C-alpha atoms as a PDB file:
ATOM      1  CA  MET A   1      15.015  73.773  89.120  1.00  0.00           C
ATOM      2  CA  SER A   2      12.451  71.089  90.410  1.00  0.00           C
ATOM      3  CA  LYS A   3      13.466  68.507  92.942  1.00  0.00           C
ATOM      4  CA  THR A   4      13.374  65.593  90.455  1.00  0.00           C
ATOM      5  CA  ALA A   5      15.603  67.545  88.040  1.00  0.00           C
ATOM      6  CA  ALA A   6      18.087  68.128  90.801  1.00  0.00           C
ATOM      7  CA  THR A   7      17.917  64.492  91.840  1.00  0.00           C
ATOM      8  CA  GLU A   8      18.448  63.454  88.256  1.00  0.00           C
ATOM      9  CA  GLN A   9      21.591  65.615  88.014  1.00  0.00           C
ATOM     10  CA  LYS A  10      23.184  64.120  91.100  1.00  0.00           C
ATOM     11  CA  LYS A  11      23.044  60.634  89.760  1.00  0.00           C
ATOM     12  CA  MET A  12      26.508  59.016  89.211  1.00  0.00           C
ATOM     13  CA  ILE A  13      27.251  57.258  86.056  1.00  0.00           C
ATOM     14  CA  THR A  14      27.557  54.024  87.900  1.00  0.00           C
ATOM     15  CA  ASP A  15      24.093  54.400  89.303  1.00  0.00           C
ATOM     16  CA  ILE A  16      22.797  55.030  85.799  1.00  0.00           C
ATOM     17  CA  PHE A  17      24.514  51.977  84.445  1.00  0.00           C
ATOM     18  CA  VAL A  18      23.234  49.739  87.188  1.00  0.00           C
ATOM     19  CA  GLU A  19      19.672  51.041  86.649  1.00  0.00           C
ATOM     20  CA  GLY A  20      20.014  50.362  82.970  1.00  0.00           C
ATOM     21  CA  ALA A  21      21.375  46.945  83.702  1.00  0.00           C
ATOM     22  CA  ARG A  22      18.373  45.994  86.009  1.00  0.00           C
ATOM     23  CA  LYS A  23      16.010  47.177  83.262  1.00  0.00           C
ATOM     24  CA  GLY A  24      17.828  45.206  80.775  1.00  0.00           C
ATOM     25  CA  TRP A  25      17.882  42.048  83.055  1.00  0.00           C
ATOM     26  CA  ALA A  26      14.141  42.375  83.449  1.00  0.00           C
ATOM     27  CA  ILE A  27      13.478  42.479  79.820  1.00  0.00           C
ATOM     28  CA  GLY A  28      15.838  39.499  79.243  1.00  0.00           C
ATOM     29  CA  THR A  29      14.204  37.297  81.855  1.00  0.00           C
ATOM     30  CA  SER A  30      10.563  38.253  81.192  1.00  0.00           C
ATOM     31  CA  SER A  31      10.686  38.320  77.404  1.00  0.00           C
ATOM     32  CA  THR A  32      13.657  37.385  75.435  1.00  0.00           C
ATOM     33  CA  ILE A  33      14.591  34.159  77.241  1.00  0.00           C
ATOM     34  CA  PRO A  34      10.966  32.714  77.349  1.00  0.00           C
ATOM     35  CA  ASN A  35      10.659  33.541  73.608  1.00  0.00           C
ATOM     36  CA  VAL A  36      13.792  31.718  72.742  1.00  0.00           C
ATOM     37  CA  MET A  37      13.234  28.833  75.100  1.00  0.00           C
ATOM     38  CA  MET A  38       9.769  28.405  73.535  1.00  0.00           C
ATOM     39  CA  ALA A  39      11.298  28.389  70.018  1.00  0.00           C
ATOM     40  CA  PHE A  40      13.770  25.657  70.992  1.00  0.00           C
ATOM     41  CA  ILE A  41      11.018  23.463  72.365  1.00  0.00           C
ATOM     42  CA  ILE A  42       8.789  24.046  69.265  1.00  0.00           C
ATOM     43  CA  ILE A  43      11.597  23.104  66.893  1.00  0.00           C
ATOM     44  CA  LYS A  44      12.350  19.986  68.912  1.00  0.00           C
ATOM     45  CA  ALA A  45       8.645  19.059  68.971  1.00  0.00           C
ATOM     46  CA  LEU A  46       8.228  19.607  65.243  1.00  0.00           C
ATOM     47  CA  THR A  47      11.362  17.557  64.541  1.00  0.00           C
ATOM     48  CA  ILE A  48      10.319  14.707  66.842  1.00  0.00           C
ATOM     49  CA  THR A  49       6.799  14.528  65.230  1.00  0.00           C
ATOM     50  CA  GLY A  50       7.938  14.812  61.738  1.00  0.00           C
ATOM     51  CA  ALA A  51       6.101  18.016  61.236  1.00  0.00           C
ATOM     52  CA  LEU A  52       9.375  19.931  60.286  1.00  0.00           C
ATOM     53  CA  ASP A  53       9.891  17.487  57.438  1.00  0.00           C
ATOM     54  CA  MET A  54       6.359  18.163  56.294  1.00  0.00           C
ATOM     55  CA  LEU A  55       6.905  21.818  56.615  1.00  0.00           C
ATOM     56  CA  SER A  56      10.183  21.707  54.704  1.00  0.00           C
ATOM     57  CA  SER A  57       8.480  19.682  51.691  1.00  0.00           C
ATOM     58  CA  VAL A  58       5.651  22.080  51.524  1.00  0.00           C
ATOM     59  CA  PHE A  59       7.647  25.301  51.643  1.00  0.00           C
ATOM     60  CA  GLY A  60      10.790  23.936  50.047  1.00  0.00           C
ATOM     61  CA  PRO A  61      10.111  25.200  46.447  1.00  0.00           C
ATOM     62  CA  VAL A  62       9.237  28.834  47.826  1.00  0.00           C
ATOM     63  CA  MET A  63      12.262  28.928  50.050  1.00  0.00           C
ATOM     64  CA  GLY A  64      14.486  27.584  47.254  1.00  0.00           C
ATOM     65  CA  VAL A  65      13.751  30.684  45.237  1.00  0.00           C
ATOM     66  CA  VAL A  66      15.823  32.653  47.829  1.00  0.00           C
ATOM     67  CA  GLY A  67      18.448  29.920  48.388  1.00  0.00           C
ATOM     68  CA  LEU A  68      17.100  28.427  51.537  1.00  0.00           C
ATOM     69  CA  PRO A  69      16.064  25.026  52.576  1.00  0.00           C
ATOM     70  CA  GLY A  70      12.345  24.487  53.310  1.00  0.00           C
ATOM     71  CA  GLU A  71      12.958  24.603  56.968  1.00  0.00           C
ATOM     72  CA  GLY A  72      13.756  28.330  56.800  1.00  0.00           C
ATOM     73  CA  ALA A  73       9.854  28.706  56.477  1.00  0.00           C
ATOM     74  CA  ALA A  74       9.678  27.983  60.216  1.00  0.00           C
ATOM     75  CA  VAL A  75      11.852  31.017  60.947  1.00  0.00           C
ATOM     76  CA  LEU A  76       9.627  33.248  59.015  1.00  0.00           C
ATOM     77  CA  MET A  77       6.525  31.855  60.605  1.00  0.00           C
ATOM     78  CA  SER A  78       7.936  32.538  64.083  1.00  0.00           C
ATOM     79  CA  ALA A  79       9.219  35.871  63.041  1.00  0.00           C
ATOM     80  CA  ILE A  80       5.597  37.028  62.353  1.00  0.00           C
ATOM     81  CA  MET A  81       4.965  36.364  65.991  1.00  0.00           C
ATOM     82  CA  SER A  82       8.162  37.368  67.785  1.00  0.00           C
ATOM     83  CA  MET A  83      11.659  38.337  66.690  1.00  0.00           C
ATOM     84  CA  GLY A  84      13.270  36.750  69.689  1.00  0.00           C
ATOM     85  CA  GLY A  85      11.360  33.599  68.911  1.00  0.00           C
ATOM     86  CA  ALA A  86      12.585  33.658  65.323  1.00  0.00           C
ATOM     87  CA  VAL A  87      16.118  33.886  66.495  1.00  0.00           C
ATOM     88  CA  GLY A  88      15.455  30.979  68.818  1.00  0.00           C
ATOM     89  CA  VAL A  89      14.055  28.916  66.006  1.00  0.00           C
ATOM     90  CA  THR A  90      17.139  29.852  63.848  1.00  0.00           C
ATOM     91  CA  VAL A  91      19.469  28.813  66.536  1.00  0.00           C
ATOM     92  CA  GLY A  92      17.478  25.571  67.042  1.00  0.00           C
ATOM     93  CA  LEU A  93      17.636  24.865  63.357  1.00  0.00           C
ATOM     94  CA  LEU A  94      21.328  25.440  63.281  1.00  0.00           C
ATOM     95  CA  SER A  95      21.906  23.263  66.300  1.00  0.00           C
ATOM     96  CA  GLU A  96      19.938  20.410  64.349  1.00  0.00           C
ATOM     97  CA  GLY A  97      22.197  21.012  61.475  1.00  0.00           C
ATOM     98  CA  LEU A  98      19.297  22.057  59.276  1.00  0.00           C
ATOM     99  CA  LEU A  99      20.459  25.518  58.682  1.00  0.00           C
ATOM    100  CA  GLN A 100      23.926  26.720  57.933  1.00  0.00           C
ATOM    101  CA  ALA A 101      25.619  30.237  58.421  1.00  0.00           C
ATOM    102  CA  ARG A 102      24.852  31.373  54.857  1.00  0.00           C
ATOM    103  CA  ASP A 103      21.123  30.518  55.419  1.00  0.00           C
ATOM    104  CA  ILE A 104      21.123  32.665  58.577  1.00  0.00           C
ATOM    105  CA  ALA A 105      22.789  35.552  56.676  1.00  0.00           C
ATOM    106  CA  ILE A 106      19.801  35.339  54.109  1.00  0.00           C
ATOM    107  CA  LEU A 107      17.146  35.093  56.882  1.00  0.00           C
ATOM    108  CA  ALA A 108      18.402  37.816  59.324  1.00  0.00           C
ATOM    109  CA  PRO A 109      17.119  40.811  57.436  1.00  0.00           C
ATOM    110  CA  ALA A 110      13.712  39.101  56.902  1.00  0.00           C
ATOM    111  CA  ILE A 111      13.521  38.487  60.504  1.00  0.00           C
ATOM    112  CA  TYR A 112      13.753  42.151  61.335  1.00  0.00           C
ATOM    113  CA  LEU A 113      11.614  43.320  58.290  1.00  0.00           C
ATOM    114  CA  MET A 114       8.570  41.188  59.202  1.00  0.00           C
ATOM    115  CA  GLY A 115       9.413  40.489  62.862  1.00  0.00           C
ATOM    116  CA  SER A 116       6.708  40.734  65.454  1.00  0.00           C
ATOM    117  CA  THR A 117       4.133  41.642  62.863  1.00  0.00           C
ATOM    118  CA  ILE A 118       1.303  40.335  65.023  1.00  0.00           C
ATOM    119  CA  GLN A 119       2.531  42.011  68.136  1.00  0.00           C
ATOM    120  CA  TYR A 120       2.811  45.456  66.447  1.00  0.00           C
ATOM    121  CA  ALA A 121      -0.673  44.974  65.044  1.00  0.00           C
ATOM    122  CA  GLY A 122      -2.052  45.092  68.548  1.00  0.00           C
ATOM    123  CA  ARG A 123       0.465  47.528  70.133  1.00  0.00           C
ATOM    124  CA  ILE A 124       0.536  50.167  67.362  1.00  0.00           C
ATOM    125  CA  LEU A 125      -2.172  49.715  64.577  1.00  0.00           C
ATOM    126  CA  GLY A 126      -4.846  48.898  67.120  1.00  0.00           C
ATOM    127  CA  VAL A 127      -3.957  51.708  69.399  1.00  0.00           C
ATOM    128  CA  ILE A 128      -3.988  54.299  66.552  1.00  0.00           C
ATOM    129  CA  GLY A 129      -7.317  52.959  65.321  1.00  0.00           C
ATOM    130  CA  THR A 130      -6.095  51.612  62.037  1.00  0.00           C
ATOM    131  CA  GLU A 131      -9.008  49.888  60.279  1.00  0.00           C
ATOM    132  CA  ALA A 132      -8.530  45.968  60.276  1.00  0.00           C
ATOM    133  CA  ARG A 133      -9.331  45.902  56.533  1.00  0.00           C
ATOM    134  CA  PHE A 134      -5.881  47.654  55.940  1.00  0.00           C
ATOM    135  CA  TYR A 135      -4.058  44.941  57.974  1.00  0.00           C
ATOM    136  CA  PRO A 136      -3.576  42.499  55.131  1.00  0.00           C
ATOM    137  CA  VAL A 137      -1.976  45.240  52.892  1.00  0.00           C
ATOM    138  CA  LEU A 138       0.372  46.282  55.700  1.00  0.00           C
ATOM    139  CA  PHE A 139       1.309  42.732  56.684  1.00  0.00           C
ATOM    140  CA  GLY A 140       1.877  41.997  52.835  1.00  0.00           C
ATOM    141  CA  ILE A 141       4.244  44.991  52.578  1.00  0.00           C
ATOM    142  CA  CYS A 142       6.281  43.497  55.446  1.00  0.00           C
ATOM    143  CA  PHE A 143       6.369  40.122  53.772  1.00  0.00           C
ATOM    144  CA  LEU A 144       7.131  41.415  50.321  1.00  0.00           C
ATOM    145  CA  ASN A 145      10.172  43.542  51.792  1.00  0.00           C
ATOM    146  CA  ALA A 146      11.355  40.416  53.660  1.00  0.00           C
ATOM    147  CA  PHE A 147      11.233  38.248  50.575  1.00  0.00           C
ATOM    148  CA  MET A 148      13.078  40.929  48.417  1.00  0.00           C
ATOM    149  CA  ALA A 149      15.766  41.229  51.170  1.00  0.00           C
ATOM    150  CA  MET A 150      16.220  37.360  51.202  1.00  0.00           C
ATOM    151  CA  PHE A 151      16.480  37.470  47.399  1.00  0.00           C
ATOM    152  CA  VAL A 152      19.265  40.214  47.578  1.00  0.00           C
ATOM    153  CA  MET A 153      21.019  38.418  50.416  1.00  0.00           C
ATOM    154  CA  ASN A 154      20.920  35.305  48.402  1.00  0.00           C
ATOM    155  CA  ILE A 155      22.755  37.037  45.620  1.00  0.00           C
ATOM    156  CA  LEU A 156      25.306  38.928  47.945  1.00  0.00           C
ATOM    157  CA  VAL A 157      26.335  36.012  50.128  1.00  0.00           C
END
């Protein structure tokens, strides 16, 4: 048995827990919290400038097909960049009274089906050498899946 294997076997469950908690804290403070904070700030800025109303007017008819107000488009747009950001936008819109619990139930699967598409393009598709000409098709599949999920959720909730 190697020295590192012997060391790994001697770790107590509490040591493993604390190590995991430290890693989780690092992820939360360096990734999740900044994304959610940014999302709250963006929603507030869009609300103050009136851009959120414009976004709602433009996307209202499309979002209405799946039973959502036009503001739900802001969640989907942010989901393309970051799942954490999309959750932050969702909570921001909820706190502004622009989304309800039912709306969140409809949006939740879409956040995960199309979440972080841009990040994954760089982290996965770029690394494995996928040709850029295929990106629109791959992104389109994500968006289509998300739309179908919202359509089904609209029926179920």
